[in-house]
Amino acid sequence: MPSNSRSLANTLCFGELTWLRAVWIVVVVGNLWGTAAFAGDWPQFRGPDGQGHSSEVGLPVEWSETEHVAWKCPVEGLGWSSPVVQGNDIWLTTAVLDKGSLQLVRVEARTGQVVTTTEVFHKDDLGPIHAKNSHASPTPFIDGDRIYVHFGAHGTACLSTAGEVLWRNQELAYDHRHGPAGSPIVWHDLVIVSCDGTDKQFVVALDKKSGEIRWRTDRNGRMAYSTPLAITVDGTEQVISPGGDQVVGYAPATGEEIWRFRYDGYSVVPRPVYGHGLVFVSSAYDSPVLYAIRLPGQGDITETAAAWSMRRGAPNNPSVLLVGDELYVVSDLGIATCVDARTGEQHWQTRLGGGFSASPLAAEGRVYFTNEEGLTTVVEASKELKKLAENRIEGRTLASLATADGAIFLRTDAALYRLEAK
């Protein structure tokens, strides 16, 4: 049984609840949310489906520095990678600048104790970094008993769950200027990353057992920092990868281009979201436009595939969130918007306050928006705006939330928190 299935069964099969009933519950929850949802592990950036959905139950709605904090674990260095969780283990990357050390840290989920710290790469000079970035911003990907980490041009690696480095690859040379950001994904036997620098732009697939390059597809454009998304469209698997001035759908086995949609942009960060036959992509950094792009497509679909677009309130950094028929968006300036996903018709818009980089989370009929100053605003997932709570903790918060084991895991510039309702 795959690791996600084991975790799903372990999480839901309690008392008289049979495994079949547990699966039925997950299917129902997935249908309610409009995409597949999974309980238990949080294996990658934005969760099991890569789109910010959690089917954990009993999560906290309210918390503070002193309330509903099960534990707070200090983390050395700085990293904006989100925590990933499997069973009783949490992994996150960090960069200890004065040591030139890029590390993978394992924390025990129940106690908050650091179990292992592994130096994956060492460089005396890690180079310049954007004020809103770190040298450890890409989120790891857990695949069974392996963890895949990516530090941009610094290197990509595979580790065992015990913390042993199994392979390293430092062949992906490109100038990421503001530091690494896009996270790796695993598709079957491949680790796929987008590498869009100022000097060269390409998408590459590494053999997940050896780290050797299986395919590399170059593309001309501008720098970007986005994470690919693997989807299936009319029975055809493809990997969606936004670049600086275009988003491209690739055949994941070969890297062959299926379609592309061009826009005027650069430094694209948000991860794409897919649902209702539409891919939702934000186009730029300074003046972003959110596009809803119809699939399937073939070749250059720029002139034919835009279902709708939105400029006011479009994000530079946070990814969008699809919940049922509604799309939730928060801009870097804190403007939150709910629109009809199919048409772009606005239901509501409000100013949350503060700057935003983290992507929103959907759980239990709620949407969690975390700003950069430690404030998480919780609203009802609804066509009507209903604020449920505003929760503040100490420190900067640019990493996206993760959930597992009935808890929310929140990372600041100094610590990792486990937040619980009980």
Protein backbone atom coordinates (compact mmCIF):
# COMPACT_ATOMS: atom_id res chain seq x y z
CA MET A 1 0.00 0.00 0.00
CA PRO A 2 1.39 3.47 -0.86
CA SER A 3 2.50 5.67 2.00
CA ASN A 4 -0.47 8.04 1.61
CA SER A 5 -2.88 5.11 1.78
CA ARG A 6 -1.22 3.73 4.92
CA SER A 7 -1.42 7.12 6.58
CA LEU A 8 -5.04 7.55 5.47
CA ALA A 9 -6.05 4.22 6.95
CA ASN A 10 -4.13 4.83 10.18
CA THR A 11 -5.73 8.24 10.57
CA LEU A 12 -9.37 7.31 9.92
CA CYS A 13 -9.71 3.69 11.01
CA PHE A 14 -10.59 4.03 14.68
CA GLY A 15 -13.12 2.16 16.86
CA GLU A 16 -15.84 0.63 14.72
CA LEU A 17 -14.90 2.65 11.64
CA THR A 18 -13.83 0.25 8.91
CA TRP A 19 -11.28 1.05 6.25
CA LEU A 20 -13.99 1.08 3.57
CA ARG A 21 -16.03 3.60 5.52
CA ALA A 22 -12.88 5.70 5.94
CA VAL A 23 -12.30 5.74 2.20
CA TRP A 24 -15.95 6.68 1.64
CA ILE A 25 -15.56 9.64 4.00
CA VAL A 26 -12.48 10.89 2.18
CA VAL A 27 -14.24 10.59 -1.20
CA VAL A 28 -17.21 12.58 0.12
CA VAL A 29 -14.92 15.25 1.60
CA GLY A 30 -13.01 15.43 -1.68
CA ASN A 31 -16.23 15.95 -3.61
CA LEU A 32 -17.32 18.68 -1.23
CA TRP A 33 -14.07 20.54 -1.76
CA GLY A 34 -14.13 20.10 -5.51
CA THR A 35 -10.69 18.37 -5.60
CA ALA A 36 -9.15 15.26 -4.11
CA ALA A 37 -8.49 15.62 -0.38
CA PHE A 38 -6.48 13.38 1.90
CA ALA A 39 -6.21 13.04 5.66
CA GLY A 40 -2.96 12.28 7.41
CA ASP A 41 0.31 13.25 5.76
CA TRP A 42 1.33 16.59 4.23
CA PRO A 43 3.98 15.46 1.73
CA GLN A 44 4.69 18.54 -0.39
CA PHE A 45 4.17 22.27 -0.84
CA ARG A 46 0.45 22.96 -0.41
CA GLY A 47 -0.39 19.45 0.75
CA PRO A 48 -1.36 16.10 -0.79
CA ASP A 49 -2.92 17.58 -3.93
CA GLY A 50 -0.47 20.50 -4.15
CA GLN A 51 -3.37 22.96 -4.09
CA GLY A 52 -3.79 23.86 -0.43
CA HIS A 53 -6.55 21.46 0.68
CA SER A 54 -6.68 19.65 4.00
CA SER A 55 -9.30 17.16 5.18
CA GLU A 56 -8.00 17.11 8.76
CA VAL A 57 -10.76 17.55 11.33
CA GLY A 58 -10.75 19.31 14.67
CA LEU A 59 -8.26 21.97 13.61
CA PRO A 60 -8.02 25.15 15.68
CA VAL A 61 -9.85 28.27 14.58
CA GLU A 62 -8.30 30.49 17.21
CA TRP A 63 -4.80 30.64 18.74
CA SER A 64 -2.23 33.02 20.16
CA GLU A 65 1.33 32.89 21.47
CA THR A 66 -0.04 31.40 24.71
CA GLU A 67 -3.22 29.58 23.66
CA HIS A 68 -3.65 26.37 21.64
CA VAL A 69 0.13 25.98 21.21
CA ALA A 70 1.01 22.32 21.81
CA TRP A 71 4.72 23.12 21.38
CA LYS A 72 7.10 25.65 19.88
CA CYS A 73 10.37 24.35 18.44
CA PRO A 74 13.23 26.81 17.77
CA VAL A 75 14.80 26.35 14.31
CA GLU A 76 18.38 27.45 13.68
CA GLY A 77 19.04 29.58 10.61
CA LEU A 78 16.39 30.87 8.22
CA GLY A 79 14.16 29.12 5.74
CA TRP A 80 10.78 29.80 4.19
CA SER A 81 10.12 26.23 3.11
CA SER A 82 6.85 24.88 4.47
CA PRO A 83 6.99 21.92 6.85
CA VAL A 84 6.14 18.53 5.36
CA VAL A 85 4.78 15.73 7.53
CA GLN A 86 4.68 11.94 7.40
CA GLY A 87 3.53 9.99 10.42
CA ASN A 88 5.29 11.35 13.50
CA ASP A 89 8.00 13.13 11.51
CA ILE A 90 8.16 16.72 10.26
CA TRP A 91 10.87 17.86 7.86
CA LEU A 92 11.87 21.38 6.91
CA THR A 93 14.94 22.95 5.34
CA THR A 94 16.99 25.81 6.74
CA ALA A 95 20.05 27.86 5.80
CA VAL A 96 22.56 28.69 8.54
CA LEU A 97 24.35 31.58 6.87
CA ASP A 98 27.31 32.02 9.23
CA LYS A 99 28.16 28.35 8.67
CA GLY A 100 27.36 28.30 4.94
CA SER A 101 25.21 25.29 5.71
CA LEU A 102 22.05 24.16 3.88
CA GLN A 103 20.27 21.66 6.09
CA LEU A 104 17.32 19.29 6.38
CA VAL A 105 15.86 19.18 9.89
CA ARG A 106 13.60 16.43 11.26
CA VAL A 107 11.28 17.27 14.15
CA GLU A 108 9.12 14.83 16.11
CA ALA A 109 5.51 15.81 15.45
CA ARG A 110 4.13 14.84 18.87
CA THR A 111 6.82 16.44 21.04
CA GLY A 112 8.44 19.17 18.93
CA GLN A 113 11.93 17.79 19.58
CA VAL A 114 14.60 18.00 16.86
CA VAL A 115 15.55 14.42 15.97
CA THR A 116 18.14 14.87 13.23
CA THR A 117 19.87 17.71 11.42
CA THR A 118 21.64 16.86 8.16
CA GLU A 119 23.87 19.21 6.22
CA VAL A 120 22.91 18.62 2.59
CA PHE A 121 25.16 21.23 0.96
CA HIS A 122 27.93 23.51 2.21
CA LYS A 123 29.03 26.72 0.50
CA ASP A 124 31.23 29.38 2.09
CA ASP A 125 29.37 32.07 0.15
CA LEU A 126 25.69 31.41 -0.58
CA GLY A 127 25.39 34.65 -2.52
CA PRO A 128 22.83 37.48 -2.45
CA ILE A 129 19.23 36.97 -1.48
CA HIS A 130 16.00 38.97 -1.80
CA ALA A 131 14.76 40.52 1.45
CA LYS A 132 11.61 38.36 1.25
CA ASN A 133 13.44 35.16 0.36
CA SER A 134 15.84 32.70 1.97
CA HIS A 135 18.40 30.17 0.74
CA ALA A 136 16.01 27.45 1.94
CA SER A 137 12.65 28.46 0.49
CA PRO A 138 11.74 25.42 -1.68
CA THR A 139 9.61 22.93 0.26
CA PRO A 140 10.78 19.27 0.40
CA PHE A 141 8.79 16.44 -1.16
CA ILE A 142 8.24 13.19 0.80
CA ASP A 143 7.86 10.05 -1.33
CA GLY A 144 7.67 6.91 0.81
CA ASP A 145 11.00 6.50 2.62
CA ARG A 146 12.73 9.21 0.57
CA ILE A 147 12.80 12.99 0.91
CA TYR A 148 13.70 15.20 -2.05
CA VAL A 149 15.09 18.67 -1.38
CA HIS A 150 15.93 21.46 -3.78
CA PHE A 151 18.00 24.55 -3.03
CA GLY A 152 17.83 26.08 -6.51
CA ALA A 153 21.25 26.45 -8.14
CA HIS A 154 22.89 25.38 -4.87
CA GLY A 155 21.80 21.80 -5.56
CA THR A 156 19.14 19.10 -5.42
CA ALA A 157 19.35 15.98 -3.25
CA CYS A 158 17.61 12.85 -2.03
CA LEU A 159 17.75 11.74 1.60
CA SER A 160 16.41 8.75 3.48
CA THR A 161 13.90 9.34 6.25
CA ALA A 162 16.77 8.60 8.66
CA GLY A 163 18.61 11.66 7.35
CA GLU A 164 21.22 9.91 5.16
CA VAL A 165 22.09 11.69 1.90
CA LEU A 166 21.54 9.16 -0.91
CA TRP A 167 22.46 11.38 -3.87
CA ARG A 168 23.28 14.96 -4.74
CA ASN A 169 23.00 16.81 -8.05
CA GLN A 170 24.71 20.17 -8.57
CA GLU A 171 24.52 20.22 -12.38
CA LEU A 172 21.54 22.59 -12.57
CA ALA A 173 23.54 25.76 -12.97
CA TYR A 174 21.55 28.96 -13.49
CA ASP A 175 21.43 32.44 -11.99
CA HIS A 176 18.40 32.59 -9.71
CA ARG A 177 19.49 36.11 -8.61
CA HIS A 178 17.07 36.49 -5.67
CA GLY A 179 17.72 32.99 -4.33
CA PRO A 180 15.90 29.64 -4.68
CA ALA A 181 12.12 29.40 -4.40
CA GLY A 182 10.33 26.83 -6.62
CA SER A 183 9.78 23.45 -4.93
CA PRO A 184 10.39 20.01 -6.47
CA ILE A 185 7.61 17.58 -7.37
CA VAL A 186 7.74 13.83 -7.80
CA TRP A 187 5.99 12.22 -10.77
CA HIS A 188 6.33 8.43 -10.88
CA ASP A 189 10.12 7.84 -11.07
CA LEU A 190 11.06 11.47 -11.76
CA VAL A 191 11.83 14.55 -9.68
CA ILE A 192 10.77 17.60 -11.69
CA VAL A 193 11.87 21.18 -11.01
CA SER A 194 11.53 24.49 -12.82
CA CYS A 195 14.79 26.44 -13.17
CA ASP A 196 14.09 29.89 -14.59
CA GLY A 197 17.07 32.16 -14.04
CA THR A 198 18.15 35.50 -15.45
CA ASP A 199 20.63 33.77 -17.75
CA LYS A 200 18.81 30.58 -18.78
CA GLN A 201 15.39 29.01 -18.30
CA PHE A 202 14.56 25.31 -18.33
CA VAL A 203 12.49 22.55 -16.77
CA VAL A 204 14.33 19.37 -15.80
CA ALA A 205 13.49 15.86 -14.64
CA LEU A 206 15.91 13.85 -12.49
CA ASP A 207 15.83 10.10 -11.94
CA LYS A 208 14.55 9.85 -8.39
CA LYS A 209 16.77 6.83 -7.63
CA SER A 210 20.05 8.22 -8.93
CA GLY A 211 19.64 11.97 -9.39
CA GLU A 212 20.77 11.74 -13.03
CA ILE A 213 19.12 14.03 -15.59
CA ARG A 214 16.48 12.11 -17.56
CA TRP A 215 15.28 15.04 -19.62
CA ARG A 216 15.77 18.78 -19.81
CA THR A 217 13.61 21.18 -21.83
CA ASP A 218 14.97 24.66 -22.41
CA ARG A 219 12.65 27.62 -22.84
CA ASN A 220 13.33 31.27 -23.59
CA GLY A 221 11.82 33.85 -21.29
CA ARG A 222 12.33 35.63 -18.00
CA MET A 223 13.19 34.54 -14.49
CA ALA A 224 10.55 32.81 -12.35
CA TYR A 225 10.29 31.04 -9.01
CA SER A 226 7.23 28.82 -9.34
CA THR A 227 6.49 25.20 -8.43
CA PRO A 228 5.10 22.86 -11.13
CA LEU A 229 1.77 21.07 -10.75
CA ALA A 230 1.05 17.59 -12.13
CA ILE A 231 -2.53 17.17 -13.40
CA THR A 232 -4.58 14.91 -15.67
CA VAL A 233 -6.61 16.50 -18.47
CA ASP A 234 -9.00 14.25 -20.44
CA GLY A 235 -6.93 11.24 -19.44
CA THR A 236 -3.60 12.83 -20.39
CA GLU A 237 -1.06 13.52 -17.67
CA GLN A 238 0.83 16.79 -17.88
CA VAL A 239 2.99 19.02 -15.73
CA ILE A 240 2.06 22.70 -15.62
CA SER A 241 5.06 25.00 -15.13
CA PRO A 242 4.74 28.81 -15.07
CA GLY A 243 7.73 30.72 -16.39
CA GLY A 244 8.47 34.43 -16.28
CA ASP A 245 6.35 35.33 -19.30
CA GLN A 246 4.52 32.11 -20.16
CA VAL A 247 2.95 29.04 -18.61
CA VAL A 248 3.62 25.72 -20.33
CA GLY A 249 2.08 22.27 -20.15
CA TYR A 250 4.64 19.46 -20.57
CA ALA A 251 4.41 15.71 -21.09
CA PRO A 252 6.00 14.61 -17.78
CA ALA A 253 7.63 11.45 -19.13
CA THR A 254 9.57 13.24 -21.88
CA GLY A 255 9.48 17.00 -21.29
CA GLU A 256 7.79 17.55 -24.66
CA GLU A 257 5.75 20.76 -24.78
CA ILE A 258 1.98 20.25 -25.14
CA TRP A 259 0.75 23.83 -24.97
CA ARG A 260 1.79 27.31 -23.91
CA PHE A 261 0.02 30.49 -22.85
CA ARG A 262 1.97 33.76 -23.04
CA TYR A 263 1.63 36.82 -20.79
CA ASP A 264 3.59 39.95 -19.92
CA GLY A 265 5.44 39.17 -16.70
CA TYR A 266 8.54 38.14 -14.77
CA SER A 267 9.50 36.63 -11.39
CA VAL A 268 6.32 34.54 -11.31
CA VAL A 269 6.01 32.82 -7.91
CA PRO A 270 2.48 31.39 -7.33
CA ARG A 271 1.93 27.70 -7.93
CA PRO A 272 -0.80 27.01 -10.51
CA VAL A 273 -4.18 25.60 -9.45
CA TYR A 274 -6.43 23.38 -11.59
CA GLY A 275 -10.16 22.70 -11.48
CA HIS A 276 -13.33 22.89 -13.60
CA GLY A 277 -11.18 22.44 -16.71
CA LEU A 278 -9.30 25.66 -15.91
CA VAL A 279 -5.70 26.39 -14.89
CA PHE A 280 -5.38 29.47 -12.68
CA VAL A 281 -2.08 31.32 -13.08
CA SER A 282 -0.85 34.70 -11.85
CA SER A 283 1.36 36.37 -14.41
CA ALA A 284 3.87 38.79 -12.97
CA TYR A 285 5.52 40.43 -10.02
CA ASP A 286 4.95 44.19 -10.23
CA SER A 287 1.57 44.23 -12.00
CA PRO A 288 0.14 40.71 -11.87
CA VAL A 289 -2.88 39.49 -13.79
CA LEU A 290 -4.71 36.34 -12.70
CA TYR A 291 -5.72 34.20 -15.69
CA ALA A 292 -8.20 31.34 -15.91
CA ILE A 293 -6.96 29.24 -18.85
CA ARG A 294 -9.19 26.61 -20.50
CA LEU A 295 -7.80 23.13 -21.07
CA PRO A 296 -7.22 20.93 -23.00
CA GLY A 297 -5.01 22.84 -25.37
CA GLN A 298 -2.43 22.24 -28.07
CA GLY A 299 0.34 24.55 -29.24
CA ASP A 300 0.14 28.29 -28.57
CA ILE A 301 -3.26 28.86 -26.93
CA THR A 302 -2.72 32.50 -25.90
CA GLU A 303 -5.40 33.97 -28.15
CA THR A 304 -8.07 31.32 -27.57
CA ALA A 305 -7.86 29.85 -24.07
CA ALA A 306 -8.40 32.73 -21.61
CA ALA A 307 -11.78 32.17 -19.96
CA TRP A 308 -11.43 35.31 -17.80
CA SER A 309 -8.81 37.42 -16.08
CA MET A 310 -8.55 39.59 -12.96
CA ARG A 311 -6.13 42.43 -12.29
CA ARG A 312 -7.24 44.16 -9.06
CA GLY A 313 -6.21 41.95 -6.15
CA ALA A 314 -4.11 39.50 -8.19
CA PRO A 315 -1.14 38.07 -6.22
CA ASN A 316 2.60 38.38 -6.76
CA ASN A 317 3.55 35.66 -4.24
CA PRO A 318 0.60 33.73 -2.72
CA SER A 319 -0.96 30.94 -4.75
CA VAL A 320 -4.73 30.97 -5.20
CA LEU A 321 -7.16 28.52 -3.57
CA LEU A 322 -10.05 26.70 -5.25
CA VAL A 323 -12.83 25.53 -2.90
CA GLY A 324 -15.79 24.04 -4.73
CA ASP A 325 -17.00 26.63 -7.24
CA GLU A 326 -15.23 29.55 -5.55
CA LEU A 327 -11.71 30.83 -6.01
CA TYR A 328 -10.02 32.61 -3.09
CA VAL A 329 -7.21 35.06 -3.79
CA VAL A 330 -5.06 37.25 -1.56
CA SER A 331 -2.75 39.89 -2.96
CA ASP A 332 0.64 40.78 -1.52
CA LEU A 333 -0.95 43.97 -0.15
CA GLY A 334 -3.57 42.00 1.79
CA ILE A 335 -6.62 42.35 -0.45
CA ALA A 336 -8.62 39.10 -0.19
CA THR A 337 -11.11 38.30 -2.94
CA CYS A 338 -13.63 35.53 -3.56
CA VAL A 339 -14.80 35.01 -7.15
CA ASP A 340 -16.77 32.44 -9.11
CA ALA A 341 -14.07 30.11 -10.45
CA ARG A 342 -15.81 29.52 -13.77
CA THR A 343 -16.68 33.13 -14.64
CA GLY A 344 -14.49 35.39 -12.48
CA GLU A 345 -17.58 37.15 -11.09
CA GLN A 346 -16.70 38.73 -7.75
CA HIS A 347 -18.57 37.63 -4.63
CA TRP A 348 -16.66 39.73 -2.09
CA GLN A 349 -13.44 41.61 -1.54
CA THR A 350 -11.90 42.90 1.69
CA ARG A 351 -8.62 44.24 3.02
CA LEU A 352 -7.05 41.93 5.59
CA GLY A 353 -4.07 44.14 6.40
CA GLY A 354 -0.35 43.47 6.27
CA GLY A 355 1.79 42.03 3.51
CA PHE A 356 1.27 38.48 2.22
CA SER A 357 3.59 35.82 0.80
CA ALA A 358 2.17 32.55 2.19
CA SER A 359 -0.49 30.68 0.24
CA PRO A 360 -3.94 30.22 1.83
CA LEU A 361 -5.17 26.94 3.31
CA ALA A 362 -8.63 25.32 3.02
CA ALA A 363 -9.84 23.11 5.88
CA GLU A 364 -13.21 22.21 7.42
CA GLY A 365 -15.15 24.78 5.42
CA ARG A 366 -12.73 27.53 6.35
CA VAL A 367 -9.97 29.51 4.63
CA TYR A 368 -6.82 30.48 6.53
CA PHE A 369 -4.88 33.55 5.31
CA THR A 370 -1.48 34.10 6.99
CA ASN A 371 0.27 37.43 6.51
CA GLU A 372 3.98 38.23 6.91
CA GLU A 373 3.63 39.70 10.43
CA GLY A 374 2.36 36.62 12.28
CA LEU A 375 -1.39 37.24 11.79
CA THR A 376 -3.68 34.52 10.44
CA THR A 377 -7.21 35.56 9.46
CA VAL A 378 -9.76 32.75 9.30
CA VAL A 379 -12.88 33.19 7.17
CA GLU A 380 -15.76 30.97 6.25
CA ALA A 381 -15.42 29.37 2.81
CA SER A 382 -18.52 31.03 1.43
CA LYS A 383 -19.86 33.42 -1.20
CA GLU A 384 -20.53 35.81 1.68
CA LEU A 385 -17.68 37.24 3.73
CA LYS A 386 -17.70 35.99 7.32
CA LYS A 387 -14.58 36.46 9.43
CA LEU A 388 -14.21 33.83 12.14
CA ALA A 389 -10.95 34.79 13.88
CA GLU A 390 -7.73 36.78 13.80
CA ASN A 391 -4.78 34.99 15.39
CA ARG A 392 -1.37 36.51 16.07
CA ILE A 393 1.93 34.91 17.00
CA GLU A 394 5.47 36.33 17.20
CA GLY A 395 7.85 36.61 14.28
CA ARG A 396 7.78 36.90 10.49
CA THR A 397 5.59 34.38 8.66
CA LEU A 398 6.26 33.85 4.96
CA ALA A 399 5.95 30.04 4.93
CA SER A 400 2.59 28.44 4.09
CA LEU A 401 0.67 26.47 6.71
CA ALA A 402 0.67 22.66 6.84
CA THR A 403 -1.74 20.28 8.58
CA ALA A 404 -1.50 16.72 9.89
CA ASP A 405 -2.55 14.68 12.95
CA GLY A 406 -5.37 17.10 13.79
CA ALA A 407 -2.98 20.04 14.04
CA ILE A 408 -1.77 23.07 12.11
CA PHE A 409 1.99 23.54 11.71
CA LEU A 410 3.07 27.16 11.38
CA ARG A 411 6.62 28.29 10.68
CA THR A 412 8.12 31.66 11.58
CA ASP A 413 11.60 33.07 11.03
CA ALA A 414 12.69 31.52 14.33
CA ALA A 415 10.45 28.59 15.25
CA LEU A 416 7.98 25.91 14.24
CA TYR A 417 4.62 25.77 16.07
CA ARG A 418 2.15 22.95 16.54
CA LEU A 419 -1.33 24.47 16.97
CA GLU A 420 -4.23 22.39 18.31
CA ALA A 421 -7.86 23.05 19.19
CA LYS A 422 -7.72 21.04 22.43
